[in-house]
Amino acid sequence: MADKKADAETTFPVEICYALPDQLILIDLQVTEGTCLEQAVRQSGILDRIPEIDLSINHVGIFGKLKPLSTPLRSHDRIEIYRPLTADPKEARRRRAQKTV
């Protein structure tokens, strides 16, 4: 009977999200209770699929809020992997404003 309890670990769904300029990658994943953000990203296989993702460089978050890799997950969390900015937002605004003049 103890073996059945070990086999029936509590799992719940999470989603891994990574956006490229021309593609959105969404991966549905079942994780066990106690899984942290970094473990889920690694289990999803996205690091093999998109080799330019480096967890020491790319920031990660849950529902738009930055979180440390050690953050424990909850059911239905959407884990987001953020790409580095390619342009300075202030400079981009400045260029747009100059075009309208």
PDB file of N, CA and C in Angstrom:
ATOM      1  N   MET A   1       0.821  -1.194   0.000  1.00  0.00           N
ATOM      2  CA  MET A   1       0.000   0.000   0.000  1.00  0.00           C
ATOM      3  C   MET A   1       0.865   1.257   0.000  1.00  0.00           C
ATOM      4  N   ALA A   2       2.013   1.229   0.660  1.00  0.00           N
ATOM      5  CA  ALA A   2       2.906   2.379   0.671  1.00  0.00           C
ATOM      6  C   ALA A   2       3.432   2.670  -0.725  1.00  0.00           C
ATOM      7  N   ASP A   3       3.616   1.630  -1.553  1.00  0.00           N
ATOM      8  CA  ASP A   3       4.098   1.831  -2.916  1.00  0.00           C
ATOM      9  C   ASP A   3       3.087   2.610  -3.750  1.00  0.00           C
ATOM     10  N   LYS A   4       1.796   2.360  -3.533  1.00  0.00           N
ATOM     11  CA  LYS A   4       0.774   3.081  -4.290  1.00  0.00           C
ATOM     12  C   LYS A   4       0.807   4.562  -3.963  1.00  0.00           C
ATOM     13  N   LYS A   5       1.062   4.919  -2.714  1.00  0.00           N
ATOM     14  CA  LYS A   5       1.146   6.324  -2.334  1.00  0.00           C
ATOM     15  C   LYS A   5       2.341   6.989  -3.004  1.00  0.00           C
ATOM     16  N   ALA A   6       3.473   6.298  -3.072  1.00  0.00           N
ATOM     17  CA  ALA A   6       4.658   6.857  -3.717  1.00  0.00           C
ATOM     18  C   ALA A   6       4.416   7.038  -5.203  1.00  0.00           C
ATOM     19  N   ASP A   7       3.684   6.106  -5.832  1.00  0.00           N
ATOM     20  CA  ASP A   7       3.400   6.198  -7.253  1.00  0.00           C
ATOM     21  C   ASP A   7       2.395   7.314  -7.556  1.00  0.00           C
ATOM     22  N   ALA A   8       1.565   7.635  -6.589  1.00  0.00           N
ATOM     23  CA  ALA A   8       0.509   8.620  -6.807  1.00  0.00           C
ATOM     24  C   ALA A   8       0.912   9.987  -6.273  1.00  0.00           C
ATOM     25  N   GLU A   9       2.148  10.409  -6.564  1.00  0.00           N
ATOM     26  CA  GLU A   9       2.583  11.728  -6.123  1.00  0.00           C
ATOM     27  C   GLU A   9       1.661  12.787  -6.718  1.00  0.00           C
ATOM     28  N   THR A  10       1.452  13.824  -5.967  1.00  0.00           N
ATOM     29  CA  THR A  10       0.589  14.897  -6.439  1.00  0.00           C
ATOM     30  C   THR A  10       1.280  15.649  -7.568  1.00  0.00           C
ATOM     31  N   THR A  11       0.615  15.729  -8.714  1.00  0.00           N
ATOM     32  CA  THR A  11       1.136  16.510  -9.834  1.00  0.00           C
ATOM     33  C   THR A  11       0.124  17.579 -10.207  1.00  0.00           C
ATOM     34  N   PHE A  12       0.622  18.607 -10.870  1.00  0.00           N
ATOM     35  CA  PHE A  12      -0.251  19.672 -11.324  1.00  0.00           C
ATOM     36  C   PHE A  12       0.340  20.281 -12.596  1.00  0.00           C
ATOM     37  N   PRO A  13      -0.511  20.968 -13.375  1.00  0.00           N
ATOM     38  CA  PRO A  13      -0.030  21.532 -14.639  1.00  0.00           C
ATOM     39  C   PRO A  13       0.603  22.911 -14.470  1.00  0.00           C
ATOM     40  N   VAL A  14       1.648  23.157 -15.260  1.00  0.00           N
ATOM     41  CA  VAL A  14       2.235  24.481 -15.414  1.00  0.00           C
ATOM     42  C   VAL A  14       2.495  24.681 -16.908  1.00  0.00           C
ATOM     43  N   GLU A  15       2.812  25.897 -17.282  1.00  0.00           N
ATOM     44  CA  GLU A  15       3.086  26.190 -18.680  1.00  0.00           C
ATOM     45  C   GLU A  15       4.384  26.976 -18.770  1.00  0.00           C
ATOM     46  N   ILE A  16       5.228  26.599 -19.735  1.00  0.00           N
ATOM     47  CA  ILE A  16       6.473  27.304 -20.001  1.00  0.00           C
ATOM     48  C   ILE A  16       6.219  28.168 -21.239  1.00  0.00           C
ATOM     49  N   CYS A  17       6.612  29.429 -21.182  1.00  0.00           N
ATOM     50  CA  CYS A  17       6.359  30.363 -22.274  1.00  0.00           C
ATOM     51  C   CYS A  17       7.661  31.072 -22.642  1.00  0.00           C
ATOM     52  N   TYR A  18       7.968  31.072 -23.958  1.00  0.00           N
ATOM     53  CA  TYR A  18       9.130  31.797 -24.474  1.00  0.00           C
ATOM     54  C   TYR A  18       8.743  32.408 -25.804  1.00  0.00           C
ATOM     55  N   ALA A  19       8.943  33.702 -25.952  1.00  0.00           N
ATOM     56  CA  ALA A  19       8.539  34.382 -27.173  1.00  0.00           C
ATOM     57  C   ALA A  19       9.763  34.805 -27.974  1.00  0.00           C
ATOM     58  N   LEU A  20       9.776  34.389 -29.230  1.00  0.00           N
ATOM     59  CA  LEU A  20      10.764  34.837 -30.201  1.00  0.00           C
ATOM     60  C   LEU A  20      10.094  35.907 -31.052  1.00  0.00           C
ATOM     61  N   PRO A  21      10.838  36.691 -31.817  1.00  0.00           N
ATOM     62  CA  PRO A  21      10.197  37.735 -32.621  1.00  0.00           C
ATOM     63  C   PRO A  21       9.112  37.210 -33.564  1.00  0.00           C
ATOM     64  N   ASP A  22       9.278  35.997 -34.059  1.00  0.00           N
ATOM     65  CA  ASP A  22       8.325  35.454 -35.031  1.00  0.00           C
ATOM     66  C   ASP A  22       7.620  34.184 -34.566  1.00  0.00           C
ATOM     67  N   GLN A  23       7.778  33.840 -33.292  1.00  0.00           N
ATOM     68  CA  GLN A  23       7.220  32.576 -32.817  1.00  0.00           C
ATOM     69  C   GLN A  23       6.983  32.630 -31.304  1.00  0.00           C
ATOM     70  N   LEU A  24       5.901  32.021 -30.878  1.00  0.00           N
ATOM     71  CA  LEU A  24       5.606  31.869 -29.454  1.00  0.00           C
ATOM     72  C   LEU A  24       5.676  30.397 -29.121  1.00  0.00           C
ATOM     73  N   ILE A  25       6.468  30.053 -28.135  1.00  0.00           N
ATOM     74  CA  ILE A  25       6.607  28.660 -27.723  1.00  0.00           C
ATOM     75  C   ILE A  25       5.901  28.487 -26.388  1.00  0.00           C
ATOM     76  N   LEU A  26       4.932  27.590 -26.361  1.00  0.00           N
ATOM     77  CA  LEU A  26       4.200  27.250 -25.139  1.00  0.00           C
ATOM     78  C   LEU A  26       4.344  25.755 -24.911  1.00  0.00           C
ATOM     79  N   ILE A  27       4.770  25.383 -23.730  1.00  0.00           N
ATOM     80  CA  ILE A  27       4.945  23.978 -23.393  1.00  0.00           C
ATOM     81  C   ILE A  27       4.137  23.689 -22.138  1.00  0.00           C
ATOM     82  N   ASP A  28       3.180  22.781 -22.260  1.00  0.00           N
ATOM     83  CA  ASP A  28       2.417  22.329 -21.094  1.00  0.00           C
ATOM     84  C   ASP A  28       3.202  21.224 -20.411  1.00  0.00           C
ATOM     85  N   LEU A  29       3.237  21.267 -19.089  1.00  0.00           N
ATOM     86  CA  LEU A  29       4.061  20.335 -18.330  1.00  0.00           C
ATOM     87  C   LEU A  29       3.340  19.946 -17.047  1.00  0.00           C
ATOM     88  N   GLN A  30       3.459  18.704 -16.668  1.00  0.00           N
ATOM     89  CA  GLN A  30       2.972  18.237 -15.374  1.00  0.00           C
ATOM     90  C   GLN A  30       4.179  18.130 -14.443  1.00  0.00           C
ATOM     91  N   VAL A  31       4.113  18.763 -13.288  1.00  0.00           N
ATOM     92  CA  VAL A  31       5.211  18.708 -12.324  1.00  0.00           C
ATOM     93  C   VAL A  31       4.695  18.201 -10.988  1.00  0.00           C
ATOM     94  N   THR A  32       5.611  17.717 -10.182  1.00  0.00           N
ATOM     95  CA  THR A  32       5.229  17.227  -8.861  1.00  0.00           C
ATOM     96  C   THR A  32       5.292  18.359  -7.843  1.00  0.00           C
ATOM     97  N   GLU A  33       4.572  18.183  -6.784  1.00  0.00           N
ATOM     98  CA  GLU A  33       4.565  19.152  -5.699  1.00  0.00           C
ATOM     99  C   GLU A  33       5.992  19.359  -5.200  1.00  0.00           C
ATOM    100  N   GLY A  34       6.390  20.612  -5.004  1.00  0.00           N
ATOM    101  CA  GLY A  34       7.738  20.924  -4.539  1.00  0.00           C
ATOM    102  C   GLY A  34       8.708  21.260  -5.664  1.00  0.00           C
ATOM    103  N   THR A  35       8.257  21.155  -6.910  1.00  0.00           N
ATOM    104  CA  THR A  35       9.119  21.499  -8.044  1.00  0.00           C
ATOM    105  C   THR A  35       9.344  23.004  -8.071  1.00  0.00           C
ATOM    106  N   CYS A  36      10.602  23.410  -8.295  1.00  0.00           N
ATOM    107  CA  CYS A  36      10.896  24.837  -8.378  1.00  0.00           C
ATOM    108  C   CYS A  36      10.945  25.271  -9.840  1.00  0.00           C
ATOM    109  N   LEU A  37      10.976  26.558 -10.037  1.00  0.00           N
ATOM    110  CA  LEU A  37      10.936  27.145 -11.363  1.00  0.00           C
ATOM    111  C   LEU A  37      12.045  26.587 -12.263  1.00  0.00           C
ATOM    112  N   GLU A  38      13.277  26.555 -11.796  1.00  0.00           N
ATOM    113  CA  GLU A  38      14.389  26.050 -12.617  1.00  0.00           C
ATOM    114  C   GLU A  38      14.191  24.587 -12.998  1.00  0.00           C
ATOM    115  N   GLN A  39      13.738  23.769 -12.080  1.00  0.00           N
ATOM    116  CA  GLN A  39      13.512  22.352 -12.382  1.00  0.00           C
ATOM    117  C   GLN A  39      12.485  22.187 -13.491  1.00  0.00           C
ATOM    118  N   ALA A  40      11.421  22.963 -13.445  1.00  0.00           N
ATOM    119  CA  ALA A  40      10.378  22.859 -14.463  1.00  0.00           C
ATOM    120  C   ALA A  40      10.908  23.273 -15.835  1.00  0.00           C
ATOM    121  N   VAL A  41      11.689  24.351 -15.880  1.00  0.00           N
ATOM    122  CA  VAL A  41      12.260  24.792 -17.160  1.00  0.00           C
ATOM    123  C   VAL A  41      13.138  23.689 -17.731  1.00  0.00           C
ATOM    124  N   ARG A  42      13.972  23.093 -16.900  1.00  0.00           N
ATOM    125  CA  ARG A  42      14.852  22.016 -17.379  1.00  0.00           C
ATOM    126  C   ARG A  42      14.042  20.781 -17.810  1.00  0.00           C
ATOM    127  N   GLN A  43      13.015  20.419 -17.050  1.00  0.00           N
ATOM    128  CA  GLN A  43      12.183  19.259 -17.393  1.00  0.00           C
ATOM    129  C   GLN A  43      11.423  19.457 -18.696  1.00  0.00           C
ATOM    130  N   SER A  44      11.133  20.699 -19.048  1.00  0.00           N
ATOM    131  CA  SER A  44      10.340  20.973 -20.245  1.00  0.00           C
ATOM    132  C   SER A  44      11.085  20.666 -21.538  1.00  0.00           C
ATOM    133  N   GLY A  45      12.413  20.646 -21.479  1.00  0.00           N
ATOM    134  CA  GLY A  45      13.203  20.405 -22.677  1.00  0.00           C
ATOM    135  C   GLY A  45      13.438  21.638 -23.518  1.00  0.00           C
ATOM    136  N   ILE A  46      12.972  22.790 -23.080  1.00  0.00           N
ATOM    137  CA  ILE A  46      13.120  24.009 -23.874  1.00  0.00           C
ATOM    138  C   ILE A  46      14.577  24.432 -24.011  1.00  0.00           C
ATOM    139  N   LEU A  47      15.420  24.092 -23.024  1.00  0.00           N
ATOM    140  CA  LEU A  47      16.831  24.472 -23.105  1.00  0.00           C
ATOM    141  C   LEU A  47      17.541  23.722 -24.233  1.00  0.00           C
ATOM    142  N   ASP A  48      17.100  22.499 -24.529  1.00  0.00           N
ATOM    143  CA  ASP A  48      17.650  21.749 -25.658  1.00  0.00           C
ATOM    144  C   ASP A  48      17.083  22.274 -26.972  1.00  0.00           C
ATOM    145  N   ARG A  49      15.827  22.644 -26.944  1.00  0.00           N
ATOM    146  CA  ARG A  49      15.134  23.112 -28.147  1.00  0.00           C
ATOM    147  C   ARG A  49      15.601  24.507 -28.583  1.00  0.00           C
ATOM    148  N   ILE A  50      15.865  25.389 -27.614  1.00  0.00           N
ATOM    149  CA  ILE A  50      16.298  26.765 -27.883  1.00  0.00           C
ATOM    150  C   ILE A  50      17.632  26.974 -27.151  1.00  0.00           C
ATOM    151  N   PRO A  51      18.756  26.616 -27.784  1.00  0.00           N
ATOM    152  CA  PRO A  51      20.047  26.656 -27.075  1.00  0.00           C
ATOM    153  C   PRO A  51      20.503  28.045 -26.645  1.00  0.00           C
ATOM    154  N   GLU A  52      19.948  29.119 -27.222  1.00  0.00           N
ATOM    155  CA  GLU A  52      20.381  30.456 -26.811  1.00  0.00           C
ATOM    156  C   GLU A  52      19.830  30.867 -25.448  1.00  0.00           C
ATOM    157  N   ILE A  53      18.908  30.089 -24.893  1.00  0.00           N
ATOM    158  CA  ILE A  53      18.416  30.379 -23.534  1.00  0.00           C
ATOM    159  C   ILE A  53      19.499  29.959 -22.551  1.00  0.00           C
ATOM    160  N   ASP A  54      19.906  30.889 -21.724  1.00  0.00           N
ATOM    161  CA  ASP A  54      20.908  30.639 -20.689  1.00  0.00           C
ATOM    162  C   ASP A  54      20.318  31.148 -19.374  1.00  0.00           C
ATOM    163  N   LEU A  55      20.008  30.246 -18.472  1.00  0.00           N
ATOM    164  CA  LEU A  55      19.343  30.643 -17.226  1.00  0.00           C
ATOM    165  C   LEU A  55      20.205  31.533 -16.339  1.00  0.00           C
ATOM    166  N   SER A  56      21.511  31.611 -16.622  1.00  0.00           N
ATOM    167  CA  SER A  56      22.354  32.538 -15.857  1.00  0.00           C
ATOM    168  C   SER A  56      22.260  33.959 -16.420  1.00  0.00           C
ATOM    169  N   ILE A  57      21.674  34.095 -17.632  1.00  0.00           N
ATOM    170  CA  ILE A  57      21.533  35.408 -18.271  1.00  0.00           C
ATOM    171  C   ILE A  57      20.066  35.805 -18.385  1.00  0.00           C
ATOM    172  N   ASN A  58      19.246  34.905 -18.925  1.00  0.00           N
ATOM    173  CA  ASN A  58      17.834  35.208 -19.137  1.00  0.00           C
ATOM    174  C   ASN A  58      17.103  35.286 -17.799  1.00  0.00           C
ATOM    175  N   HIS A  59      16.288  36.307 -17.658  1.00  0.00           N
ATOM    176  CA  HIS A  59      15.443  36.418 -16.471  1.00  0.00           C
ATOM    177  C   HIS A  59      14.227  35.526 -16.664  1.00  0.00           C
ATOM    178  N   VAL A  60      13.641  35.099 -15.565  1.00  0.00           N
ATOM    179  CA  VAL A  60      12.432  34.285 -15.606  1.00  0.00           C
ATOM    180  C   VAL A  60      11.411  34.874 -14.647  1.00  0.00           C
ATOM    181  N   GLY A  61      10.159  34.554 -14.904  1.00  0.00           N
ATOM    182  CA  GLY A  61       9.112  35.058 -14.040  1.00  0.00           C
ATOM    183  C   GLY A  61       7.886  34.177 -14.110  1.00  0.00           C
ATOM    184  N   ILE A  62       6.917  34.518 -13.310  1.00  0.00           N
ATOM    185  CA  ILE A  62       5.631  33.830 -13.297  1.00  0.00           C
ATOM    186  C   ILE A  62       4.569  34.913 -13.464  1.00  0.00           C
ATOM    187  N   PHE A  63       3.770  34.775 -14.507  1.00  0.00           N
ATOM    188  CA  PHE A  63       2.715  35.747 -14.818  1.00  0.00           C
ATOM    189  C   PHE A  63       3.231  37.189 -14.816  1.00  0.00           C
ATOM    190  N   GLY A  64       4.371  37.423 -15.486  1.00  0.00           N
ATOM    191  CA  GLY A  64       4.877  38.776 -15.665  1.00  0.00           C
ATOM    192  C   GLY A  64       5.649  39.367 -14.502  1.00  0.00           C
ATOM    193  N   LYS A  65       5.876  38.598 -13.458  1.00  0.00           N
ATOM    194  CA  LYS A  65       6.631  39.100 -12.315  1.00  0.00           C
ATOM    195  C   LYS A  65       7.926  38.311 -12.196  1.00  0.00           C
ATOM    196  N   LEU A  66       9.065  39.010 -12.159  1.00  0.00           N
ATOM    197  CA  LEU A  66      10.360  38.345 -12.037  1.00  0.00           C
ATOM    198  C   LEU A  66      10.406  37.509 -10.764  1.00  0.00           C
ATOM    199  N   LYS A  67      10.965  36.314 -10.899  1.00  0.00           N
ATOM    200  CA  LYS A  67      11.071  35.403  -9.762  1.00  0.00           C
ATOM    201  C   LYS A  67      12.442  34.734  -9.787  1.00  0.00           C
ATOM    202  N   PRO A  68      12.985  34.382  -8.620  1.00  0.00           N
ATOM    203  CA  PRO A  68      14.233  33.614  -8.597  1.00  0.00           C
ATOM    204  C   PRO A  68      13.982  32.178  -9.071  1.00  0.00           C
ATOM    205  N   LEU A  69      15.025  31.545  -9.580  1.00  0.00           N
ATOM    206  CA  LEU A  69      14.907  30.180 -10.092  1.00  0.00           C
ATOM    207  C   LEU A  69      14.482  29.184  -9.016  1.00  0.00           C
ATOM    208  N   SER A  70      14.678  29.526  -7.772  1.00  0.00           N
ATOM    209  CA  SER A  70      14.337  28.617  -6.671  1.00  0.00           C
ATOM    210  C   SER A  70      12.873  28.711  -6.235  1.00  0.00           C
ATOM    211  N   THR A  71      12.080  29.524  -6.902  1.00  0.00           N
ATOM    212  CA  THR A  71      10.681  29.725  -6.528  1.00  0.00           C
ATOM    213  C   THR A  71       9.879  28.441  -6.689  1.00  0.00           C
ATOM    214  N   PRO A  72       9.198  27.967  -5.636  1.00  0.00           N
ATOM    215  CA  PRO A  72       8.340  26.793  -5.778  1.00  0.00           C
ATOM    216  C   PRO A  72       7.112  27.120  -6.617  1.00  0.00           C
ATOM    217  N   LEU A  73       6.697  26.168  -7.417  1.00  0.00           N
ATOM    218  CA  LEU A  73       5.580  26.388  -8.334  1.00  0.00           C
ATOM    219  C   LEU A  73       4.250  26.005  -7.711  1.00  0.00           C
ATOM    220  N   ARG A  74       3.201  26.613  -8.262  1.00  0.00           N
ATOM    221  CA  ARG A  74       1.831  26.281  -7.874  1.00  0.00           C
ATOM    222  C   ARG A  74       1.072  25.869  -9.128  1.00  0.00           C
ATOM    223  N   SER A  75      -0.027  25.232  -8.924  1.00  0.00           N
ATOM    224  CA  SER A  75      -0.842  24.746 -10.032  1.00  0.00           C
ATOM    225  C   SER A  75      -1.202  25.884 -10.988  1.00  0.00           C
ATOM    226  N   HIS A  76      -1.061  25.623 -12.269  1.00  0.00           N
ATOM    227  CA  HIS A  76      -1.423  26.534 -13.359  1.00  0.00           C
ATOM    228  C   HIS A  76      -0.525  27.775 -13.471  1.00  0.00           C
ATOM    229  N   ASP A  77       0.669  27.748 -12.857  1.00  0.00           N
ATOM    230  CA  ASP A  77       1.601  28.858 -13.044  1.00  0.00           C
ATOM    231  C   ASP A  77       2.037  28.912 -14.506  1.00  0.00           C
ATOM    232  N   ARG A  78       2.212  30.127 -15.033  1.00  0.00           N
ATOM    233  CA  ARG A  78       2.778  30.306 -16.368  1.00  0.00           C
ATOM    234  C   ARG A  78       4.189  30.843 -16.175  1.00  0.00           C
ATOM    235  N   ILE A  79       5.170  30.003 -16.470  1.00  0.00           N
ATOM    236  CA  ILE A  79       6.575  30.364 -16.332  1.00  0.00           C
ATOM    237  C   ILE A  79       7.001  31.053 -17.617  1.00  0.00           C
ATOM    238  N   GLU A  80       7.532  32.244 -17.490  1.00  0.00           N
ATOM    239  CA  GLU A  80       7.948  33.019 -18.651  1.00  0.00           C
ATOM    240  C   GLU A  80       9.460  33.179 -18.631  1.00  0.00           C
ATOM    241  N   ILE A  81      10.086  32.918 -19.762  1.00  0.00           N
ATOM    242  CA  ILE A  81      11.519  33.117 -19.926  1.00  0.00           C
ATOM    243  C   ILE A  81      11.674  34.361 -20.788  1.00  0.00           C
ATOM    244  N   TYR A  82      12.372  35.363 -20.268  1.00  0.00           N
ATOM    245  CA  TYR A  82      12.473  36.648 -20.948  1.00  0.00           C
ATOM    246  C   TYR A  82      13.777  36.756 -21.735  1.00  0.00           C
ATOM    247  N   ARG A  83      13.678  37.326 -22.935  1.00  0.00           N
ATOM    248  CA  ARG A  83      14.859  37.583 -23.757  1.00  0.00           C
ATOM    249  C   ARG A  83      15.444  38.932 -23.356  1.00  0.00           C
ATOM    250  N   PRO A  84      16.767  39.096 -23.550  1.00  0.00           N
ATOM    251  CA  PRO A  84      17.353  40.412 -23.281  1.00  0.00           C
ATOM    252  C   PRO A  84      16.789  41.451 -24.259  1.00  0.00           C
ATOM    253  N   LEU A  85      16.709  42.696 -23.827  1.00  0.00           N
ATOM    254  CA  LEU A  85      16.229  43.767 -24.702  1.00  0.00           C
ATOM    255  C   LEU A  85      17.222  43.981 -25.835  1.00  0.00           C
ATOM    256  N   THR A  86      16.699  44.216 -27.038  1.00  0.00           N
ATOM    257  CA  THR A  86      17.578  44.476 -28.179  1.00  0.00           C
ATOM    258  C   THR A  86      17.755  45.970 -28.412  1.00  0.00           C
ATOM    259  N   ALA A  87      16.911  46.781 -27.810  1.00  0.00           N
ATOM    260  CA  ALA A  87      17.017  48.233 -27.948  1.00  0.00           C
ATOM    261  C   ALA A  87      16.679  48.885 -26.613  1.00  0.00           C
ATOM    262  N   ASP A  88      17.293  50.002 -26.362  1.00  0.00           N
ATOM    263  CA  ASP A  88      17.005  50.763 -25.154  1.00  0.00           C
ATOM    264  C   ASP A  88      15.628  51.415 -25.315  1.00  0.00           C
ATOM    265  N   PRO A  89      14.674  51.127 -24.437  1.00  0.00           N
ATOM    266  CA  PRO A  89      13.323  51.675 -24.587  1.00  0.00           C
ATOM    267  C   PRO A  89      13.284  53.202 -24.648  1.00  0.00           C
ATOM    268  N   LYS A  90      14.132  53.873 -23.869  1.00  0.00           N
ATOM    269  CA  LYS A  90      14.144  55.341 -23.889  1.00  0.00           C
ATOM    270  C   LYS A  90      14.614  55.850 -25.248  1.00  0.00           C
ATOM    271  N   GLU A  91      15.628  55.217 -25.797  1.00  0.00           N
ATOM    272  CA  GLU A  91      16.147  55.626 -27.103  1.00  0.00           C
ATOM    273  C   GLU A  91      15.111  55.369 -28.198  1.00  0.00           C
ATOM    274  N   ALA A  92      14.412  54.252 -28.124  1.00  0.00           N
ATOM    275  CA  ALA A  92      13.380  53.941 -29.117  1.00  0.00           C
ATOM    276  C   ALA A  92      12.265  54.986 -29.073  1.00  0.00           C
ATOM    277  N   ARG A  93      11.838  55.408 -27.882  1.00  0.00           N
ATOM    278  CA  ARG A  93      10.819  56.439 -27.743  1.00  0.00           C
ATOM    279  C   ARG A  93      11.307  57.769 -28.324  1.00  0.00           C
ATOM    280  N   ARG A  94      12.568  58.083 -28.053  1.00  0.00           N
ATOM    281  CA  ARG A  94      13.150  59.322 -28.550  1.00  0.00           C
ATOM    282  C   ARG A  94      13.144  59.341 -30.091  1.00  0.00           C
ATOM    283  N   ARG A  95      13.499  58.210 -30.712  1.00  0.00           N
ATOM    284  CA  ARG A  95      13.506  58.123 -32.179  1.00  0.00           C
ATOM    285  C   ARG A  95      12.087  58.257 -32.747  1.00  0.00           C
ATOM    286  N   ARG A  96      11.117  57.626 -32.102  1.00  0.00           N
ATOM    287  CA  ARG A  96       9.731  57.753 -32.572  1.00  0.00           C
ATOM    288  C   ARG A  96       9.249  59.183 -32.480  1.00  0.00           C
ATOM    289  N   ALA A  97       9.600  59.880 -31.392  1.00  0.00           N
ATOM    290  CA  ALA A  97       9.178  61.271 -31.204  1.00  0.00           C
ATOM    291  C   ALA A  97       9.812  62.161 -32.269  1.00  0.00           C
ATOM    292  N   GLN A  98      11.058  61.907 -32.626  1.00  0.00           N
ATOM    293  CA  GLN A  98      11.726  62.719 -33.659  1.00  0.00           C
ATOM    294  C   GLN A  98      11.077  62.515 -35.024  1.00  0.00           C
ATOM    295  N   LYS A  99      10.583  61.317 -35.300  1.00  0.00           N
ATOM    296  CA  LYS A  99       9.948  61.045 -36.592  1.00  0.00           C
ATOM    297  C   LYS A  99       8.635  61.826 -36.759  1.00  0.00           C
ATOM    298  N   THR A 100       7.950  62.110 -35.661  1.00  0.00           N
ATOM    299  CA  THR A 100       6.665  62.798 -35.742  1.00  0.00           C
ATOM    300  C   THR A 100       6.829  64.309 -35.895  1.00  0.00           C
ATOM    301  N   VAL A 101       8.013  64.813 -35.661  1.00  0.00           N
ATOM    302  CA  VAL A 101       8.257  66.266 -35.759  1.00  0.00           C
ATOM    303  C   VAL A 101       8.423  66.702 -37.183  1.00  0.00           C
TER     304      VAL A 101
END
